[in-house]
Amino acid sequence: MIYSNEISEAKNGSKIPLFKNGKPANSKYNPDAEQILFESSPQGCIIVAGIAGGFHIEKLLNEKNISLIIAVEADSESLEFCKQFSSVKKISECKKTILCDKSNLEKTLCTKYFPAIYKNLTLVFHRAWKNENPQIAQEISLIVKNFLEKISADYSVQAHFGKLWQRNILLNLKFISDHSNENFFSAKLEQDKIKKTAAIVAAGPTLDFSIEEIKRGDFFVISTDTAFGTLIQNSIVPDAVINIDAQHISSEHFFCTGEETKTTFVFDLCSNLESVNFVYNKKNKIQFCINQHPLSFLATKNMEITKIESGAGTVTIAAADWAKNCGFQKLKFFGADFSYSFGKPYTKGTYLEKQFFSKSNRIISTEEKYAALMFRTELEKIHGQKNSFTTEVLKRYKKSLEDWAEKNSFKLKNGVYISERKIETKNFSAKSNFNYSEFYSQFINGIKELLKNPEPEIILESNWGLSVLPILAFFKNNTLFDSLKLAYNQALRYN
């Protein structure tokens, strides 16, 4: 509690709180005139640190360009104390205001702030409150800073792929509907296969040195899409290949696919349809899964479809999670380096190697192309490893895999991740009666309804509104109404 239990009265009659040292938290002359000063017109989501009597926050309610106000206090006791003041009561009743304390600020931001909707996020302080609580103010600043770092990578990915994801999901749903008599969903494997160790094969440089172990071992081989070409080149036909990439170029991973192989090709609904069609036309087994995209969840709510995690967005974690969903108790990773080793980013035999070698010349060599790929962002030397480098993105991917293993109770023992708990295998339906035309009509009409009243709270309360958040991120430089309209226009292409 940062306030005393005493309440003072300003000269204009307004009730104001006092800090524990007796100093007033608001003006003793005219607290109703208090306001937060901004360098430019405030907009988006505003975090106000320091609630006190609430006069300064009440002023913000009149700002039309502010869509969400998160007012935060030092602790829960202080927050409850502030709620007795008339201005705080008023702002607490407003739909666009959320009151919280420092301990649950991060949770509030994670569940209430959507950058695709609110765009800007600004932290401001009540001056007297900050002067009296500099340590708490610093802690709040750090919470907001860490939160922004955490979501910035995810939001930048949404802003880059949002439009492509929506396209791919709708086209893949249409593909499923057009082939409704075929099995695209079963993830059930025979028990003798599940008892094996699942080899999760990524395309890191160290795969060059572990190919022979995969050949000799009795593994159930689960390849990431990038490593698929390398395995085929080394006469290893994987049992499964995982793809979560939305880009058209990812279809090049599958150019080496044979006809009617033993391999099951697992595609996220966000995967590029060209990849799906290429594998399907070669008469290979296809299985669809879904990741975190809200449109995928909404479309498949009545399907028993495999749901997989990909951590920070890596196909390696997606492959591991698919193995876990199938019931594998033991996982061994190959080529999951999350680093640039031996002067290159990938193992031999990937689609990039073919691309770079075919386009190299005396002026721009293959080595130069690989160097350009690695030096896109700043490199950091890995201590204790010769000629090995990492980046902030790769470190985040590695941490994400470690978090996934811990969350799912996999412990590393002698190079193998072993589950410490019994994994329950799931029975997925073999076929789907999904009707694309029916879903598409509902989707289009749902967005059309939102366009009638495109307010943030209306969009966030609608399943259809949540389903278009990633593509709204793609249209980040537009107003919310214009972004929604553009999302609607894009969806009209896939009738």
Protein backbone atom coordinates (compact mmCIF):
# COMPACT_ATOMS: atom_id res chain seq x y z
CA MET A 1 0.00 0.00 0.00
CA ILE A 2 1.57 3.28 -1.11
CA TYR A 3 -1.22 5.51 0.23
CA SER A 4 -2.19 6.46 3.74
CA ASN A 5 -5.74 5.67 4.77
CA GLU A 6 -6.51 9.37 5.08
CA ILE A 7 -8.37 11.31 2.40
CA SER A 8 -7.79 15.01 1.88
CA GLU A 9 -10.06 17.60 0.30
CA ALA A 10 -8.85 19.97 -2.41
CA LYS A 11 -9.84 23.65 -2.48
CA ASN A 12 -12.49 22.94 -5.13
CA GLY A 13 -14.06 20.28 -2.88
CA SER A 14 -12.72 17.17 -4.71
CA LYS A 15 -11.53 14.25 -2.59
CA ILE A 16 -7.90 13.30 -3.15
CA PRO A 17 -5.68 10.49 -1.74
CA LEU A 18 -2.51 11.07 0.27
CA PHE A 19 0.71 9.13 0.00
CA LYS A 20 2.05 7.50 3.15
CA ASN A 21 4.36 10.44 3.78
CA GLY A 22 1.34 12.77 3.84
CA LYS A 23 1.96 14.36 0.43
CA PRO A 24 -1.13 14.74 -1.80
CA ALA A 25 -1.30 12.39 -4.79
CA ASN A 26 -3.26 15.01 -6.76
CA SER A 27 -3.42 18.79 -6.90
CA LYS A 28 -4.77 20.41 -3.71
CA TYR A 29 -6.15 23.33 -5.72
CA ASN A 30 -7.96 21.96 -8.77
CA PRO A 31 -7.33 18.22 -9.38
CA ASP A 32 -10.12 18.17 -11.98
CA ALA A 33 -7.81 20.08 -14.32
CA GLU A 34 -5.04 17.48 -14.13
CA GLN A 35 -4.10 15.81 -17.40
CA ILE A 36 -1.37 13.76 -19.04
CA LEU A 37 0.69 15.76 -21.51
CA PHE A 38 1.68 14.06 -24.77
CA GLU A 39 4.25 15.11 -27.36
CA SER A 40 1.72 14.34 -30.10
CA SER A 41 -1.92 13.33 -30.31
CA PRO A 42 -2.43 10.19 -28.19
CA GLN A 43 -3.77 7.14 -29.96
CA GLY A 44 -4.08 3.38 -29.67
CA CYS A 45 -3.50 1.81 -26.25
CA ILE A 46 -2.27 3.98 -23.35
CA ILE A 47 -0.82 2.48 -20.17
CA VAL A 48 -1.16 4.96 -17.31
CA ALA A 49 1.05 4.18 -14.33
CA GLY A 50 -0.42 5.76 -11.21
CA ILE A 51 -4.18 5.92 -10.70
CA ALA A 52 -4.43 7.99 -7.50
CA GLY A 53 -7.70 10.00 -7.67
CA GLY A 54 -8.18 9.18 -11.38
CA PHE A 55 -8.71 12.78 -12.57
CA HIS A 56 -5.97 12.59 -15.22
CA ILE A 57 -7.31 9.29 -16.55
CA GLU A 58 -10.88 10.60 -16.74
CA LYS A 59 -9.62 13.29 -19.13
CA LEU A 60 -8.27 10.58 -21.46
CA LEU A 61 -11.75 9.09 -21.89
CA ASN A 62 -12.59 12.02 -24.17
CA GLU A 63 -9.72 11.29 -26.57
CA LYS A 64 -11.35 9.69 -29.63
CA ASN A 65 -8.12 8.14 -30.93
CA ILE A 66 -7.45 6.26 -27.70
CA SER A 67 -9.02 2.81 -28.02
CA LEU A 68 -7.83 1.23 -24.75
CA ILE A 69 -6.58 2.58 -21.41
CA ILE A 70 -4.78 0.27 -18.99
CA ALA A 71 -4.50 2.03 -15.63
CA VAL A 72 -2.01 0.37 -13.28
CA GLU A 73 -1.36 0.81 -9.57
CA ALA A 74 1.52 -0.26 -7.34
CA ASP A 75 -0.28 -3.20 -5.68
CA SER A 76 -3.74 -4.66 -5.16
CA GLU A 77 -4.31 -2.87 -1.82
CA SER A 78 -3.50 0.51 -3.37
CA LEU A 79 -5.79 -0.28 -6.31
CA GLU A 80 -8.71 -1.12 -4.03
CA PHE A 81 -8.11 2.09 -2.09
CA CYS A 82 -8.23 4.18 -5.29
CA LYS A 83 -11.54 2.64 -6.39
CA GLN A 84 -13.47 4.63 -3.78
CA PHE A 85 -12.85 7.95 -5.58
CA SER A 86 -15.57 9.18 -7.94
CA SER A 87 -13.31 9.64 -11.00
CA VAL A 88 -11.88 6.14 -10.58
CA LYS A 89 -15.40 4.72 -10.29
CA LYS A 90 -16.28 6.46 -13.54
CA ILE A 91 -13.27 5.18 -15.48
CA SER A 92 -13.75 1.64 -14.12
CA GLU A 93 -17.26 1.61 -15.63
CA CYS A 94 -15.95 2.60 -19.07
CA LYS A 95 -15.57 -0.28 -21.54
CA LYS A 96 -12.29 0.96 -22.93
CA THR A 97 -10.58 1.13 -19.51
CA ILE A 98 -8.94 -1.71 -17.57
CA LEU A 99 -7.68 -1.32 -14.00
CA CYS A 100 -4.91 -3.57 -12.71
CA ASP A 101 -1.93 -3.58 -10.37
CA LYS A 102 1.76 -4.11 -11.14
CA SER A 103 1.65 -7.83 -10.32
CA ASN A 104 -0.85 -8.63 -13.09
CA LEU A 105 0.15 -5.96 -15.62
CA GLU A 106 1.96 -8.44 -17.90
CA LYS A 107 -1.00 -10.84 -17.86
CA THR A 108 -3.37 -7.96 -18.63
CA LEU A 109 -1.21 -6.88 -21.58
CA CYS A 110 -0.99 -10.44 -22.92
CA THR A 111 -4.76 -10.96 -22.81
CA LYS A 112 -6.11 -7.50 -23.59
CA TYR A 113 -3.66 -5.73 -25.88
CA PHE A 114 -3.85 -6.78 -29.54
CA PRO A 115 -1.42 -4.78 -31.70
CA ALA A 116 -3.41 -5.49 -34.88
CA ILE A 117 -6.39 -3.73 -33.28
CA TYR A 118 -4.89 -1.05 -31.06
CA LYS A 119 -1.73 -0.34 -33.09
CA ASN A 120 0.35 1.94 -30.80
CA LEU A 121 1.23 1.13 -27.18
CA THR A 122 2.34 4.08 -25.03
CA LEU A 123 3.41 4.11 -21.37
CA VAL A 124 2.83 7.34 -19.42
CA PHE A 125 3.16 8.21 -15.73
CA HIS A 126 1.25 10.39 -13.34
CA ARG A 127 4.03 12.81 -12.37
CA ALA A 128 3.46 13.01 -8.59
CA TRP A 129 2.96 9.23 -8.40
CA LYS A 130 6.23 8.58 -10.27
CA ASN A 131 8.16 11.03 -8.07
CA GLU A 132 7.00 9.24 -4.94
CA ASN A 133 7.45 5.70 -6.33
CA PRO A 134 10.54 5.74 -8.57
CA GLN A 135 11.38 2.06 -7.96
CA ILE A 136 7.87 0.87 -8.81
CA ALA A 137 7.83 3.14 -11.87
CA GLN A 138 11.09 1.57 -13.05
CA GLU A 139 9.69 -1.95 -12.55
CA ILE A 140 6.59 -1.08 -14.59
CA SER A 141 8.78 0.32 -17.36
CA LEU A 142 10.73 -2.93 -17.42
CA ILE A 143 7.56 -5.05 -17.56
CA VAL A 144 6.31 -3.07 -20.56
CA LYS A 145 9.72 -3.19 -22.25
CA ASN A 146 9.95 -6.98 -21.85
CA PHE A 147 6.40 -7.42 -23.07
CA LEU A 148 7.08 -5.39 -26.20
CA GLU A 149 10.21 -7.41 -26.93
CA LYS A 150 8.23 -10.61 -26.50
CA ILE A 151 5.40 -9.69 -28.86
CA SER A 152 7.34 -7.66 -31.40
CA ALA A 153 8.78 -10.73 -33.14
CA ASP A 154 5.38 -12.43 -33.26
CA TYR A 155 3.66 -9.30 -34.53
CA SER A 156 6.28 -8.71 -37.21
CA VAL A 157 5.70 -12.28 -38.45
CA GLN A 158 1.94 -11.65 -38.54
CA ALA A 159 2.49 -8.38 -40.37
CA HIS A 160 4.62 -10.21 -42.93
CA PHE A 161 2.54 -13.37 -43.42
CA GLY A 162 -0.99 -12.36 -42.37
CA LYS A 163 -2.32 -11.99 -45.91
CA LEU A 164 -0.64 -15.18 -47.12
CA TRP A 165 -1.91 -17.21 -44.15
CA GLN A 166 -5.52 -16.24 -44.84
CA ARG A 167 -5.13 -17.15 -48.50
CA ASN A 168 -3.56 -20.54 -47.74
CA ILE A 169 -6.08 -21.49 -45.05
CA LEU A 170 -9.04 -20.79 -47.30
CA LEU A 171 -7.51 -22.63 -50.27
CA ASN A 172 -6.54 -25.64 -48.13
CA LEU A 173 -10.04 -25.76 -46.63
CA LYS A 174 -11.45 -25.79 -50.15
CA PHE A 175 -9.02 -28.60 -51.03
CA ILE A 176 -10.24 -30.63 -48.03
CA SER A 177 -13.87 -30.00 -48.96
CA ASP A 178 -13.27 -31.04 -52.58
CA HIS A 179 -11.66 -34.30 -51.40
CA SER A 180 -14.06 -35.07 -48.55
CA ASN A 181 -13.91 -38.84 -49.10
CA GLU A 182 -10.19 -39.03 -48.43
CA ASN A 183 -8.26 -39.43 -45.18
CA PHE A 184 -6.42 -36.22 -44.30
CA PHE A 185 -6.61 -36.22 -40.51
CA SER A 186 -5.69 -39.50 -38.86
CA ALA A 187 -2.50 -39.33 -36.76
CA LYS A 188 -2.79 -42.80 -35.27
CA LEU A 189 0.28 -45.01 -35.71
CA GLU A 190 0.89 -48.68 -34.99
CA GLN A 191 2.24 -49.41 -31.50
CA ASP A 192 5.43 -51.00 -32.82
CA LYS A 193 6.30 -47.72 -34.54
CA ILE A 194 5.52 -45.58 -31.50
CA LYS A 195 7.89 -47.67 -29.37
CA LYS A 196 10.79 -46.53 -31.53
CA THR A 197 12.80 -43.39 -30.92
CA ALA A 198 11.53 -40.58 -33.14
CA ALA A 199 14.39 -38.93 -35.00
CA ILE A 200 13.50 -35.26 -35.43
CA VAL A 201 15.64 -34.15 -38.36
CA ALA A 202 16.32 -30.45 -38.92
CA ALA A 203 18.61 -28.96 -41.54
CA GLY A 204 21.39 -27.47 -39.41
CA PRO A 205 25.04 -27.85 -40.52
CA THR A 206 25.78 -30.68 -38.04
CA LEU A 207 23.38 -32.95 -39.96
CA ASP A 208 26.30 -33.52 -42.36
CA PHE A 209 27.97 -35.54 -39.61
CA SER A 210 24.94 -37.42 -38.26
CA ILE A 211 23.40 -38.78 -41.46
CA GLU A 212 25.14 -42.14 -40.97
CA GLU A 213 23.71 -42.51 -37.46
CA ILE A 214 20.20 -42.00 -38.83
CA LYS A 215 20.87 -44.61 -41.51
CA ARG A 216 22.14 -47.18 -39.00
CA GLY A 217 19.63 -46.52 -36.26
CA ASP A 218 16.18 -48.02 -35.84
CA PHE A 219 14.37 -44.68 -35.84
CA PHE A 220 10.97 -43.43 -36.86
CA VAL A 221 12.29 -40.59 -38.99
CA ILE A 222 10.38 -37.30 -38.87
CA SER A 223 11.92 -34.74 -41.19
CA THR A 224 11.44 -31.01 -41.29
CA ASP A 225 10.66 -29.77 -44.79
CA THR A 226 14.11 -28.16 -45.24
CA ALA A 227 15.93 -31.41 -44.35
CA PHE A 228 13.75 -33.56 -46.62
CA GLY A 229 15.93 -33.12 -49.73
CA THR A 230 19.08 -33.95 -47.76
CA LEU A 231 17.57 -37.20 -46.46
CA ILE A 232 16.39 -38.27 -49.91
CA GLN A 233 19.81 -37.45 -51.36
CA ASN A 234 21.29 -39.80 -48.76
CA SER A 235 18.81 -42.62 -49.54
CA ILE A 236 16.77 -42.07 -46.38
CA VAL A 237 13.02 -42.04 -46.97
CA PRO A 238 11.49 -40.42 -43.87
CA ASP A 239 8.34 -41.76 -42.25
CA ALA A 240 6.91 -38.24 -41.98
CA VAL A 241 7.71 -34.74 -43.22
CA ILE A 242 6.40 -31.63 -41.45
CA ASN A 243 5.69 -28.34 -43.23
CA ILE A 244 4.31 -25.14 -41.69
CA ASP A 245 5.70 -22.66 -44.23
CA ALA A 246 3.24 -20.39 -46.01
CA GLN A 247 5.60 -19.25 -48.74
CA HIS A 248 5.44 -20.44 -52.34
CA ILE A 249 9.17 -21.17 -52.33
CA SER A 250 8.61 -23.91 -49.74
CA SER A 251 7.15 -26.09 -52.51
CA GLU A 252 10.73 -26.57 -53.71
CA HIS A 253 11.36 -28.76 -50.68
CA PHE A 254 9.11 -31.39 -52.25
CA PHE A 255 10.43 -31.52 -55.80
CA CYS A 256 12.39 -34.65 -54.88
CA THR A 257 9.24 -36.49 -53.74
CA GLY A 258 8.72 -39.94 -55.23
CA GLU A 259 5.38 -41.52 -56.07
CA GLU A 260 3.40 -43.52 -53.48
CA THR A 261 6.17 -43.50 -50.88
CA LYS A 262 5.83 -44.60 -47.26
CA THR A 263 6.11 -40.98 -46.14
CA THR A 264 3.21 -39.11 -44.55
CA PHE A 265 3.36 -35.43 -45.45
CA VAL A 266 2.00 -33.28 -42.63
CA PHE A 267 0.88 -29.80 -43.64
CA ASP A 268 -0.36 -26.97 -41.49
CA LEU A 269 -3.52 -25.36 -42.87
CA CYS A 270 -1.33 -22.28 -43.35
CA SER A 271 1.00 -24.20 -45.66
CA ASN A 272 1.19 -23.24 -49.30
CA LEU A 273 -1.32 -25.13 -51.45
CA GLU A 274 1.24 -25.62 -54.22
CA SER A 275 3.20 -27.87 -51.82
CA VAL A 276 0.05 -29.81 -50.97
CA ASN A 277 -0.92 -30.28 -54.60
CA PHE A 278 2.57 -31.40 -55.61
CA VAL A 279 2.61 -34.14 -52.97
CA TYR A 280 -1.01 -35.12 -53.60
CA ASN A 281 -0.47 -35.49 -57.34
CA LYS A 282 2.39 -37.89 -56.56
CA LYS A 283 -0.18 -40.06 -54.73
CA ASN A 284 1.40 -39.70 -51.31
CA LYS A 285 -0.30 -39.68 -47.92
CA ILE A 286 -1.26 -36.21 -46.66
CA GLN A 287 -2.29 -35.16 -43.18
CA PHE A 288 -3.43 -31.68 -42.20
CA CYS A 289 -2.86 -30.13 -38.80
CA ILE A 290 -3.43 -26.72 -37.28
CA ASN A 291 -1.18 -24.44 -35.30
CA GLN A 292 -2.17 -21.16 -33.58
CA HIS A 293 -3.97 -19.26 -36.34
CA PRO A 294 -7.47 -18.27 -35.08
CA LEU A 295 -9.05 -18.83 -38.51
CA SER A 296 -7.75 -22.42 -38.50
CA PHE A 297 -9.27 -23.01 -35.05
CA LEU A 298 -12.60 -21.54 -36.09
CA ALA A 299 -12.84 -23.50 -39.34
CA THR A 300 -11.93 -26.85 -37.77
CA LYS A 301 -13.85 -26.63 -34.48
CA ASN A 302 -16.00 -29.60 -35.53
CA MET A 303 -13.07 -31.61 -36.93
CA GLU A 304 -10.89 -33.94 -34.87
CA ILE A 305 -7.72 -32.51 -36.36
CA THR A 306 -4.18 -32.69 -34.98
CA LYS A 307 -3.26 -29.51 -33.14
CA ILE A 308 0.46 -28.88 -32.93
CA GLU A 309 2.65 -26.25 -31.31
CA SER A 310 5.59 -24.63 -33.03
CA GLY A 311 6.97 -22.57 -30.15
CA ALA A 312 8.46 -19.38 -31.54
CA GLY A 313 7.46 -20.55 -35.03
CA THR A 314 9.99 -23.25 -35.93
CA VAL A 315 9.22 -26.38 -37.92
CA THR A 316 11.60 -28.34 -35.65
CA ILE A 317 9.33 -27.81 -32.65
CA ALA A 318 6.28 -28.53 -34.82
CA ALA A 319 7.85 -31.88 -35.78
CA ALA A 320 8.59 -32.69 -32.14
CA ASP A 321 5.06 -31.79 -31.08
CA TRP A 322 3.58 -33.90 -33.87
CA ALA A 323 5.67 -36.84 -32.60
CA LYS A 324 4.41 -36.24 -29.07
CA ASN A 325 0.80 -36.17 -30.30
CA CYS A 326 1.38 -39.50 -32.01
CA GLY A 327 2.54 -40.98 -28.69
CA PHE A 328 6.34 -41.11 -29.01
CA GLN A 329 8.05 -41.22 -25.61
CA LYS A 330 11.60 -40.79 -26.93
CA LEU A 331 12.86 -38.08 -29.28
CA LYS A 332 16.34 -37.53 -30.68
CA PHE A 333 17.16 -34.33 -32.55
CA PHE A 334 19.51 -34.20 -35.51
CA GLY A 335 20.66 -30.96 -37.13
CA ALA A 336 18.69 -28.85 -34.64
CA ASP A 337 21.66 -26.50 -34.22
CA PHE A 338 19.99 -23.09 -33.99
CA SER A 339 23.37 -21.72 -35.03
CA TYR A 340 25.62 -21.17 -38.02
CA SER A 341 28.45 -23.68 -37.86
CA PHE A 342 31.38 -24.43 -40.16
CA GLY A 343 30.75 -21.21 -42.07
CA LYS A 344 27.28 -22.11 -43.36
CA PRO A 345 23.65 -21.90 -42.25
CA TYR A 346 22.35 -25.28 -43.50
CA THR A 347 23.39 -28.84 -44.18
CA LYS A 348 24.25 -30.15 -47.62
CA GLY A 349 21.47 -31.01 -50.05
CA THR A 350 18.82 -28.46 -49.14
CA TYR A 351 16.89 -26.59 -51.82
CA LEU A 352 19.04 -23.52 -51.08
CA GLU A 353 22.20 -25.37 -52.07
CA LYS A 354 20.72 -26.17 -55.47
CA GLN A 355 19.52 -22.61 -55.90
CA PHE A 356 22.79 -21.01 -54.93
CA PHE A 357 24.98 -23.33 -56.99
CA SER A 358 22.80 -22.95 -60.08
CA LYS A 359 22.91 -19.15 -59.89
CA SER A 360 26.52 -18.66 -58.81
CA ASN A 361 29.11 -17.03 -61.09
CA ARG A 362 32.53 -15.45 -60.86
CA ILE A 363 31.10 -12.18 -59.55
CA ILE A 364 28.57 -13.58 -57.04
CA SER A 365 29.66 -16.98 -55.74
CA THR A 366 27.70 -19.54 -53.75
CA GLU A 367 29.78 -18.67 -50.67
CA GLU A 368 28.79 -15.02 -51.02
CA LYS A 369 25.12 -15.94 -51.16
CA TYR A 370 25.43 -18.06 -48.01
CA ALA A 371 27.30 -15.22 -46.29
CA ALA A 372 24.55 -12.76 -47.24
CA LEU A 373 22.00 -15.15 -45.73
CA MET A 374 23.91 -15.46 -42.47
CA PHE A 375 24.78 -11.79 -42.13
CA ARG A 376 21.21 -10.54 -42.50
CA THR A 377 21.35 -9.77 -38.78
CA GLU A 378 24.21 -9.27 -36.35
CA LEU A 379 26.11 -12.46 -35.54
CA GLU A 380 27.26 -13.45 -32.06
CA LYS A 381 30.17 -15.84 -31.46
CA ILE A 382 29.28 -18.97 -29.49
CA HIS A 383 31.90 -19.44 -26.78
CA GLY A 384 33.51 -22.86 -26.69
CA GLN A 385 32.52 -23.76 -30.24
CA LYS A 386 34.95 -23.16 -33.08
CA ASN A 387 33.59 -21.13 -36.01
CA SER A 388 30.02 -21.16 -34.65
CA PHE A 389 27.74 -18.15 -34.52
CA THR A 390 24.20 -17.39 -33.47
CA THR A 391 21.71 -14.52 -33.64
CA GLU A 392 18.97 -13.20 -31.38
CA VAL A 393 16.38 -15.00 -33.50
CA LEU A 394 18.22 -18.33 -33.34
CA LYS A 395 18.69 -17.98 -29.59
CA ARG A 396 14.97 -17.39 -29.25
CA TYR A 397 14.26 -20.52 -31.29
CA LYS A 398 16.59 -22.59 -29.12
CA LYS A 399 15.02 -21.27 -25.92
CA SER A 400 11.60 -22.03 -27.37
CA LEU A 401 12.57 -25.69 -27.91
CA GLU A 402 13.90 -25.94 -24.36
CA ASP A 403 10.65 -24.44 -23.04
CA TRP A 404 8.63 -26.90 -25.13
CA ALA A 405 10.58 -29.86 -23.74
CA GLU A 406 10.13 -28.66 -20.16
CA LYS A 407 6.43 -27.96 -20.65
CA ASN A 408 5.87 -31.46 -22.03
CA SER A 409 8.07 -33.19 -19.42
CA PHE A 410 10.81 -34.31 -21.81
CA LYS A 411 14.21 -34.65 -20.12
CA LEU A 412 17.51 -35.00 -21.98
CA LYS A 413 19.30 -38.26 -21.12
CA ASN A 414 22.33 -39.42 -23.10
CA GLY A 415 21.36 -37.33 -26.11
CA VAL A 416 17.72 -38.48 -26.16
CA TYR A 417 14.70 -36.55 -24.88
CA ILE A 418 12.59 -38.97 -22.84
CA SER A 419 9.10 -38.17 -21.59
CA GLU A 420 8.71 -38.50 -17.83
CA ARG A 421 5.00 -39.04 -18.12
CA LYS A 422 2.81 -41.39 -20.10
CA ILE A 423 1.69 -39.79 -23.35
CA GLU A 424 -1.92 -40.46 -24.25
CA THR A 425 -2.31 -41.02 -27.97
CA LYS A 426 -5.33 -39.39 -29.57
CA ASN A 427 -7.84 -40.97 -31.88
CA PHE A 428 -8.44 -38.65 -34.80
CA SER A 429 -11.29 -39.10 -37.23
CA ALA A 430 -10.28 -40.50 -40.59
CA LYS A 431 -12.47 -38.30 -42.78
CA SER A 432 -14.17 -34.93 -42.77
CA ASN A 433 -17.52 -33.78 -44.06
CA PHE A 434 -16.35 -30.17 -44.07
CA ASN A 435 -18.40 -27.96 -46.39
CA TYR A 436 -16.29 -25.12 -47.68
CA SER A 437 -19.13 -23.20 -49.34
CA GLU A 438 -21.10 -23.12 -46.11
CA PHE A 439 -18.12 -22.03 -44.02
CA TYR A 440 -17.03 -19.44 -46.58
CA SER A 441 -20.48 -17.81 -46.59
CA GLN A 442 -20.44 -17.60 -42.79
CA PHE A 443 -16.93 -16.15 -42.84
CA ILE A 444 -17.77 -13.46 -45.41
CA ASN A 445 -21.03 -12.53 -43.67
CA GLY A 446 -19.24 -12.42 -40.30
CA ILE A 447 -16.72 -9.84 -41.55
CA LYS A 448 -19.47 -7.90 -43.31
CA GLU A 449 -21.33 -7.57 -40.00
CA LEU A 450 -18.18 -6.27 -38.28
CA LEU A 451 -17.81 -3.58 -40.94
CA LYS A 452 -21.10 -2.09 -39.78
CA ASN A 453 -19.57 -1.24 -36.40
CA PRO A 454 -15.78 -1.77 -36.46
CA GLU A 455 -15.09 -0.96 -32.81
CA PRO A 456 -12.22 -2.82 -31.07
CA GLU A 457 -14.41 -4.39 -28.38
CA ILE A 458 -16.93 -5.57 -31.01
CA ILE A 459 -14.20 -7.19 -33.12
CA LEU A 460 -12.56 -8.86 -30.13
CA GLU A 461 -15.87 -10.27 -28.90
CA SER A 462 -16.53 -11.89 -32.30
CA ASN A 463 -15.00 -15.20 -33.40
CA TRP A 464 -14.92 -13.81 -36.93
CA GLY A 465 -13.12 -10.73 -35.67
CA LEU A 466 -10.48 -12.83 -33.90
CA SER A 467 -10.04 -14.94 -37.04
CA VAL A 468 -8.85 -11.93 -39.07
CA LEU A 469 -6.41 -10.47 -36.51
CA PRO A 470 -3.31 -11.75 -38.39
CA ILE A 471 -4.36 -10.19 -41.69
CA LEU A 472 -5.26 -6.96 -39.87
CA ALA A 473 -1.62 -6.95 -38.73
CA PHE A 474 -0.60 -7.18 -42.39
CA PHE A 475 -2.60 -4.00 -43.08
CA LYS A 476 -0.99 -2.27 -40.08
CA ASN A 477 -0.59 1.14 -41.73
CA ASN A 478 -4.33 1.56 -42.27
CA THR A 479 -7.14 2.53 -39.91
CA LEU A 480 -9.00 -0.31 -38.24
CA PHE A 481 -11.99 0.15 -40.56
CA ASP A 482 -9.81 0.22 -43.68
CA SER A 483 -7.84 -2.84 -42.50
CA LEU A 484 -11.06 -4.77 -41.93
CA LYS A 485 -12.38 -3.72 -45.33
CA LEU A 486 -9.16 -4.86 -47.01
CA ALA A 487 -9.33 -8.20 -45.19
CA TYR A 488 -12.89 -8.60 -46.47
CA ASN A 489 -11.84 -7.75 -50.04
CA GLN A 490 -9.02 -10.29 -49.87
CA ALA A 491 -11.37 -13.02 -48.66
CA LEU A 492 -13.70 -12.41 -51.62
CA ARG A 493 -11.02 -13.82 -53.91
CA TYR A 494 -11.40 -17.36 -52.61
CA ASN A 495 -15.05 -18.15 -53.19
